[in-house]
Amino acid sequence: MTPDELREIPLFANVSPAGLERACARLGELIAEPGQVLAVPGDPGSGMFVLIEGRVTIDARGGSYELG
């Protein structure tokens, strides 16, 4: 992903060019299979996911939410 592509995501729209370059240098790509668990509640976090394509289901105390 390039800094210009990252800037198209609203969360990153106001990040400085240098910040986008730093973020892109640390990005990795994950292609997940249907049903694959990406994170478990209570486990320590070390980053974040940015969904570029497809759909994801979030199971939380308040119910399930589908994002895409």
PDB file of N, CA and C in Angstrom:
ATOM      1  N   MET A   1       0.849  -1.171   0.000  1.00  0.00           N
ATOM      2  CA  MET A   1       0.000   0.000   0.000  1.00  0.00           C
ATOM      3  C   MET A   1       0.892   1.231   0.000  1.00  0.00           C
ATOM      4  N   THR A   2       0.525   2.189  -0.813  1.00  0.00           N
ATOM      5  CA  THR A   2       1.293   3.426  -0.910  1.00  0.00           C
ATOM      6  C   THR A   2       0.724   4.488   0.034  1.00  0.00           C
ATOM      7  N   PRO A   3       1.503   5.524   0.319  1.00  0.00           N
ATOM      8  CA  PRO A   3       0.971   6.607   1.148  1.00  0.00           C
ATOM      9  C   PRO A   3      -0.294   7.233   0.548  1.00  0.00           C
ATOM     10  N   ASP A   4      -0.365   7.360  -0.776  1.00  0.00           N
ATOM     11  CA  ASP A   4      -1.562   7.934  -1.407  1.00  0.00           C
ATOM     12  C   ASP A   4      -2.777   7.033  -1.206  1.00  0.00           C
ATOM     13  N   GLU A   5      -2.584   5.725  -1.299  1.00  0.00           N
ATOM     14  CA  GLU A   5      -3.696   4.794  -1.071  1.00  0.00           C
ATOM     15  C   GLU A   5      -4.139   4.842   0.384  1.00  0.00           C
ATOM     16  N   LEU A   6      -3.182   4.929   1.296  1.00  0.00           N
ATOM     17  CA  LEU A   6      -3.503   5.002   2.726  1.00  0.00           C
ATOM     18  C   LEU A   6      -4.270   6.284   3.031  1.00  0.00           C
ATOM     19  N   ARG A   7      -3.905   7.376   2.398  1.00  0.00           N
ATOM     20  CA  ARG A   7      -4.577   8.662   2.635  1.00  0.00           C
ATOM     21  C   ARG A   7      -6.048   8.619   2.207  1.00  0.00           C
ATOM     22  N   GLU A   8      -6.410   7.737   1.287  1.00  0.00           N
ATOM     23  CA  GLU A   8      -7.802   7.615   0.841  1.00  0.00           C
ATOM     24  C   GLU A   8      -8.700   7.030   1.927  1.00  0.00           C
ATOM     25  N   ILE A   9      -8.122   6.414   2.933  1.00  0.00           N
ATOM     26  CA  ILE A   9      -8.883   5.867   4.055  1.00  0.00           C
ATOM     27  C   ILE A   9      -9.134   7.019   5.032  1.00  0.00           C
ATOM     28  N   PRO A  10     -10.393   7.317   5.362  1.00  0.00           N
ATOM     29  CA  PRO A  10     -10.700   8.489   6.188  1.00  0.00           C
ATOM     30  C   PRO A  10      -9.873   8.594   7.474  1.00  0.00           C
ATOM     31  N   LEU A  11      -9.567   7.497   8.121  1.00  0.00           N
ATOM     32  CA  LEU A  11      -8.781   7.525   9.360  1.00  0.00           C
ATOM     33  C   LEU A  11      -7.420   8.183   9.146  1.00  0.00           C
ATOM     34  N   PHE A  12      -6.868   8.061   7.952  1.00  0.00           N
ATOM     35  CA  PHE A  12      -5.522   8.553   7.669  1.00  0.00           C
ATOM     36  C   PHE A  12      -5.513   9.827   6.822  1.00  0.00           C
ATOM     37  N   ALA A  13      -6.673  10.396   6.557  1.00  0.00           N
ATOM     38  CA  ALA A  13      -6.782  11.535   5.645  1.00  0.00           C
ATOM     39  C   ALA A  13      -5.953  12.734   6.062  1.00  0.00           C
ATOM     40  N   ASN A  14      -5.788  12.970   7.351  1.00  0.00           N
ATOM     41  CA  ASN A  14      -5.075  14.163   7.824  1.00  0.00           C
ATOM     42  C   ASN A  14      -3.687  13.873   8.371  1.00  0.00           C
ATOM     43  N   VAL A  15      -3.189  12.687   8.125  1.00  0.00           N
ATOM     44  CA  VAL A  15      -1.848  12.326   8.591  1.00  0.00           C
ATOM     45  C   VAL A  15      -0.823  12.988   7.667  1.00  0.00           C
ATOM     46  N   SER A  16       0.265  13.459   8.251  1.00  0.00           N
ATOM     47  CA  SER A  16       1.311  14.122   7.465  1.00  0.00           C
ATOM     48  C   SER A  16       1.946  13.150   6.473  1.00  0.00           C
ATOM     49  N   PRO A  17       2.539  13.660   5.410  1.00  0.00           N
ATOM     50  CA  PRO A  17       3.234  12.786   4.460  1.00  0.00           C
ATOM     51  C   PRO A  17       4.299  11.917   5.137  1.00  0.00           C
ATOM     52  N   ALA A  18       5.038  12.495   6.070  1.00  0.00           N
ATOM     53  CA  ALA A  18       6.062  11.718   6.786  1.00  0.00           C
ATOM     54  C   ALA A  18       5.418  10.615   7.620  1.00  0.00           C
ATOM     55  N   GLY A  19       4.289  10.917   8.246  1.00  0.00           N
ATOM     56  CA  GLY A  19       3.575   9.914   9.034  1.00  0.00           C
ATOM     57  C   GLY A  19       3.059   8.782   8.174  1.00  0.00           C
ATOM     58  N   LEU A  20       2.554   9.118   6.991  1.00  0.00           N
ATOM     59  CA  LEU A  20       2.080   8.085   6.072  1.00  0.00           C
ATOM     60  C   LEU A  20       3.234   7.208   5.601  1.00  0.00           C
ATOM     61  N   GLU A  21       4.376   7.812   5.336  1.00  0.00           N
ATOM     62  CA  GLU A  21       5.554   7.031   4.931  1.00  0.00           C
ATOM     63  C   GLU A  21       5.965   6.067   6.038  1.00  0.00           C
ATOM     64  N   ARG A  22       5.965   6.547   7.284  1.00  0.00           N
ATOM     65  CA  ARG A  22       6.324   5.674   8.423  1.00  0.00           C
ATOM     66  C   ARG A  22       5.324   4.541   8.565  1.00  0.00           C
ATOM     67  N   ALA A  23       4.029   4.858   8.421  1.00  0.00           N
ATOM     68  CA  ALA A  23       3.002   3.823   8.537  1.00  0.00           C
ATOM     69  C   ALA A  23       3.172   2.775   7.436  1.00  0.00           C
ATOM     70  N   CYS A  24       3.388   3.224   6.209  1.00  0.00           N
ATOM     71  CA  CYS A  24       3.532   2.284   5.088  1.00  0.00           C
ATOM     72  C   CYS A  24       4.749   1.387   5.257  1.00  0.00           C
ATOM     73  N   ALA A  25       5.797   1.904   5.868  1.00  0.00           N
ATOM     74  CA  ALA A  25       7.002   1.101   6.084  1.00  0.00           C
ATOM     75  C   ALA A  25       6.755  -0.034   7.072  1.00  0.00           C
ATOM     76  N   ARG A  26       5.690   0.076   7.874  1.00  0.00           N
ATOM     77  CA  ARG A  26       5.407  -0.924   8.905  1.00  0.00           C
ATOM     78  C   ARG A  26       4.208  -1.811   8.559  1.00  0.00           C
ATOM     79  N   LEU A  27       3.574  -1.552   7.425  1.00  0.00           N
ATOM     80  CA  LEU A  27       2.383  -2.316   7.050  1.00  0.00           C
ATOM     81  C   LEU A  27       2.739  -3.717   6.576  1.00  0.00           C
ATOM     82  N   GLY A  28       1.832  -4.621   6.835  1.00  0.00           N
ATOM     83  CA  GLY A  28       1.923  -5.965   6.294  1.00  0.00           C
ATOM     84  C   GLY A  28       0.568  -6.327   5.714  1.00  0.00           C
ATOM     85  N   GLU A  29       0.547  -7.295   4.847  1.00  0.00           N
ATOM     86  CA  GLU A  29      -0.707  -7.717   4.233  1.00  0.00           C
ATOM     87  C   GLU A  29      -1.108  -9.072   4.798  1.00  0.00           C
ATOM     88  N   LEU A  30      -2.366  -9.213   5.103  1.00  0.00           N
ATOM     89  CA  LEU A  30      -2.916 -10.473   5.584  1.00  0.00           C
ATOM     90  C   LEU A  30      -4.124 -10.813   4.728  1.00  0.00           C
ATOM     91  N   ILE A  31      -4.079 -11.954   4.100  1.00  0.00           N
ATOM     92  CA  ILE A  31      -5.228 -12.455   3.357  1.00  0.00           C
ATOM     93  C   ILE A  31      -5.825 -13.557   4.221  1.00  0.00           C
ATOM     94  N   ALA A  32      -7.022 -13.317   4.744  1.00  0.00           N
ATOM     95  CA  ALA A  32      -7.655 -14.239   5.681  1.00  0.00           C
ATOM     96  C   ALA A  32      -8.673 -15.119   4.968  1.00  0.00           C
ATOM     97  N   GLU A  33      -8.723 -16.347   5.395  1.00  0.00           N
ATOM     98  CA  GLU A  33      -9.710 -17.297   4.887  1.00  0.00           C
ATOM     99  C   GLU A  33     -11.027 -17.103   5.633  1.00  0.00           C
ATOM    100  N   PRO A  34     -12.159 -17.407   4.998  1.00  0.00           N
ATOM    101  CA  PRO A  34     -13.446 -17.312   5.704  1.00  0.00           C
ATOM    102  C   PRO A  34     -13.416 -18.114   7.007  1.00  0.00           C
ATOM    103  N   GLY A  35     -13.874 -17.491   8.074  1.00  0.00           N
ATOM    104  CA  GLY A  35     -13.908 -18.145   9.375  1.00  0.00           C
ATOM    105  C   GLY A  35     -12.629 -18.026  10.177  1.00  0.00           C
ATOM    106  N   GLN A  36     -11.579 -17.492   9.587  1.00  0.00           N
ATOM    107  CA  GLN A  36     -10.313 -17.350  10.299  1.00  0.00           C
ATOM    108  C   GLN A  36     -10.447 -16.314  11.407  1.00  0.00           C
ATOM    109  N   VAL A  37      -9.991 -16.658  12.610  1.00  0.00           N
ATOM    110  CA  VAL A  37     -10.029 -15.743  13.751  1.00  0.00           C
ATOM    111  C   VAL A  37      -8.792 -14.841  13.679  1.00  0.00           C
ATOM    112  N   LEU A  38      -9.007 -13.540  13.711  1.00  0.00           N
ATOM    113  CA  LEU A  38      -7.911 -12.579  13.610  1.00  0.00           C
ATOM    114  C   LEU A  38      -7.485 -12.010  14.957  1.00  0.00           C
ATOM    115  N   ALA A  39      -8.398 -11.953  15.887  1.00  0.00           N
ATOM    116  CA  ALA A  39      -8.104 -11.412  17.215  1.00  0.00           C
ATOM    117  C   ALA A  39      -9.072 -12.037  18.210  1.00  0.00           C
ATOM    118  N   VAL A  40      -8.604 -12.170  19.449  1.00  0.00           N
ATOM    119  CA  VAL A  40      -9.408 -12.771  20.507  1.00  0.00           C
ATOM    120  C   VAL A  40      -9.554 -11.748  21.640  1.00  0.00           C
ATOM    121  N   PRO A  41     -10.780 -11.500  22.113  1.00  0.00           N
ATOM    122  CA  PRO A  41     -10.964 -10.554  23.207  1.00  0.00           C
ATOM    123  C   PRO A  41     -10.091 -10.920  24.408  1.00  0.00           C
ATOM    124  N   GLY A  42      -9.464  -9.914  24.976  1.00  0.00           N
ATOM    125  CA  GLY A  42      -8.626 -10.124  26.154  1.00  0.00           C
ATOM    126  C   GLY A  42      -7.163 -10.337  25.825  1.00  0.00           C
ATOM    127  N   ASP A  43      -6.845 -10.729  24.597  1.00  0.00           N
ATOM    128  CA  ASP A  43      -5.440 -10.878  24.214  1.00  0.00           C
ATOM    129  C   ASP A  43      -4.833  -9.491  24.020  1.00  0.00           C
ATOM    130  N   PRO A  44      -3.553  -9.328  24.360  1.00  0.00           N
ATOM    131  CA  PRO A  44      -2.931  -8.018  24.171  1.00  0.00           C
ATOM    132  C   PRO A  44      -2.840  -7.672  22.681  1.00  0.00           C
ATOM    133  N   GLY A  45      -3.041  -6.420  22.376  1.00  0.00           N
ATOM    134  CA  GLY A  45      -2.958  -5.971  20.992  1.00  0.00           C
ATOM    135  C   GLY A  45      -1.578  -5.430  20.669  1.00  0.00           C
ATOM    136  N   SER A  46      -1.227  -5.476  19.398  1.00  0.00           N
ATOM    137  CA  SER A  46       0.064  -4.935  18.984  1.00  0.00           C
ATOM    138  C   SER A  46      -0.049  -4.141  17.689  1.00  0.00           C
ATOM    139  N   GLY A  47      -1.264  -3.903  17.239  1.00  0.00           N
ATOM    140  CA  GLY A  47      -1.449  -3.181  15.994  1.00  0.00           C
ATOM    141  C   GLY A  47      -2.920  -3.023  15.692  1.00  0.00           C
ATOM    142  N   MET A  48      -3.211  -2.902  14.406  1.00  0.00           N
ATOM    143  CA  MET A  48      -4.597  -2.732  13.997  1.00  0.00           C
ATOM    144  C   MET A  48      -4.784  -3.347  12.622  1.00  0.00           C
ATOM    145  N   PHE A  49      -6.034  -3.575  12.267  1.00  0.00           N
ATOM    146  CA  PHE A  49      -6.376  -4.082  10.947  1.00  0.00           C
ATOM    147  C   PHE A  49      -7.084  -2.974  10.179  1.00  0.00           C
ATOM    148  N   VAL A  50      -6.762  -2.866   8.912  1.00  0.00           N
ATOM    149  CA  VAL A  50      -7.476  -1.974   7.998  1.00  0.00           C
ATOM    150  C   VAL A  50      -8.046  -2.873   6.920  1.00  0.00           C
ATOM    151  N   LEU A  51      -9.358  -2.951   6.874  1.00  0.00           N
ATOM    152  CA  LEU A  51     -10.024  -3.815   5.911  1.00  0.00           C
ATOM    153  C   LEU A  51     -10.080  -3.113   4.562  1.00  0.00           C
ATOM    154  N   ILE A  52      -9.419  -3.690   3.577  1.00  0.00           N
ATOM    155  CA  ILE A  52      -9.352  -3.100   2.248  1.00  0.00           C
ATOM    156  C   ILE A  52     -10.405  -3.717   1.333  1.00  0.00           C
ATOM    157  N   GLU A  53     -10.634  -5.004   1.513  1.00  0.00           N
ATOM    158  CA  GLU A  53     -11.539  -5.720   0.616  1.00  0.00           C
ATOM    159  C   GLU A  53     -12.220  -6.830   1.397  1.00  0.00           C
ATOM    160  N   GLY A  54     -13.491  -7.069   1.113  1.00  0.00           N
ATOM    161  CA  GLY A  54     -14.213  -8.167   1.745  1.00  0.00           C
ATOM    162  C   GLY A  54     -15.057  -7.709   2.916  1.00  0.00           C
ATOM    163  N   ARG A  55     -15.400  -8.667   3.760  1.00  0.00           N
ATOM    164  CA  ARG A  55     -16.255  -8.399   4.920  1.00  0.00           C
ATOM    165  C   ARG A  55     -15.653  -9.097   6.131  1.00  0.00           C
ATOM    166  N   VAL A  56     -15.937  -8.567   7.305  1.00  0.00           N
ATOM    167  CA  VAL A  56     -15.458  -9.151   8.547  1.00  0.00           C
ATOM    168  C   VAL A  56     -16.593  -9.097   9.567  1.00  0.00           C
ATOM    169  N   THR A  57     -16.686 -10.132  10.397  1.00  0.00           N
ATOM    170  CA  THR A  57     -17.679 -10.166  11.466  1.00  0.00           C
ATOM    171  C   THR A  57     -16.964  -9.954  12.792  1.00  0.00           C
ATOM    172  N   ILE A  58     -17.471  -9.010  13.576  1.00  0.00           N
ATOM    173  CA  ILE A  58     -16.943  -8.719  14.908  1.00  0.00           C
ATOM    174  C   ILE A  58     -17.946  -9.287  15.906  1.00  0.00           C
ATOM    175  N   ASP A  59     -17.507 -10.210  16.762  1.00  0.00           N
ATOM    176  CA  ASP A  59     -18.348 -10.733  17.830  1.00  0.00           C
ATOM    177  C   ASP A  59     -17.969 -10.014  19.117  1.00  0.00           C
ATOM    178  N   ALA A  60     -18.923  -9.307  19.715  1.00  0.00           N
ATOM    179  CA  ALA A  60     -18.685  -8.542  20.929  1.00  0.00           C
ATOM    180  C   ALA A  60     -19.806  -8.835  21.922  1.00  0.00           C
ATOM    181  N   ARG A  61     -19.653  -8.339  23.130  1.00  0.00           N
ATOM    182  CA  ARG A  61     -20.664  -8.564  24.166  1.00  0.00           C
ATOM    183  C   ARG A  61     -22.057  -8.106  23.724  1.00  0.00           C
ATOM    184  N   GLY A  62     -22.104  -7.007  22.999  1.00  0.00           N
ATOM    185  CA  GLY A  62     -23.375  -6.437  22.576  1.00  0.00           C
ATOM    186  C   GLY A  62     -23.977  -7.116  21.359  1.00  0.00           C
ATOM    187  N   GLY A  63     -23.298  -8.080  20.787  1.00  0.00           N
ATOM    188  CA  GLY A  63     -23.799  -8.768  19.611  1.00  0.00           C
ATOM    189  C   GLY A  63     -22.735  -8.908  18.538  1.00  0.00           C
ATOM    190  N   SER A  64     -23.156  -9.273  17.352  1.00  0.00           N
ATOM    191  CA  SER A  64     -22.245  -9.408  16.223  1.00  0.00           C
ATOM    192  C   SER A  64     -22.450  -8.250  15.251  1.00  0.00           C
ATOM    193  N   TYR A  65     -21.368  -7.802  14.659  1.00  0.00           N
ATOM    194  CA  TYR A  65     -21.413  -6.685  13.721  1.00  0.00           C
ATOM    195  C   TYR A  65     -20.643  -7.094  12.468  1.00  0.00           C
ATOM    196  N   GLU A  66     -21.198  -6.815  11.320  1.00  0.00           N
ATOM    197  CA  GLU A  66     -20.516  -7.119  10.075  1.00  0.00           C
ATOM    198  C   GLU A  66     -20.059  -5.812   9.432  1.00  0.00           C
ATOM    199  N   LEU A  67     -18.784  -5.770   9.071  1.00  0.00           N
ATOM    200  CA  LEU A  67     -18.208  -4.597   8.435  1.00  0.00           C
ATOM    201  C   LEU A  67     -17.670  -5.000   7.073  1.00  0.00           C
ATOM    202  N   GLY A  68     -17.623  -4.053   6.181  1.00  0.00           N
ATOM    203  CA  GLY A  68     -17.076  -4.350   4.858  1.00  0.00           C
ATOM    204  C   GLY A  68     -16.819  -3.097   4.093  1.00  0.00           C
TER     205      GLY A  68
END
